[in-house]
Amino acid sequence: MKVKCPDCEGEIKVPDDAIAGEIVSCPDCGQEYEVYFEDGKLKLKQAETVKEDWGE
């Protein structure tokens, strides 16, 4: 399945067997997205990034 990148409108290939929570990235801009489903339709939202906590 191919979907458009919400950021640059590049073409993102999403596996047909993708599951909710799977991370895909845009080959054009490198942005990472998390797969989720709404009303049975595949959607993408910006993936959260975990930052290092250096205890400072």
Foldseek 3Di string as FASTA:
>chain_A
DWDADPPPRAIWDDDPPDDFQDWTAGPPPGFIWTWDDDPNDIDTDGDDDDDDDPPD
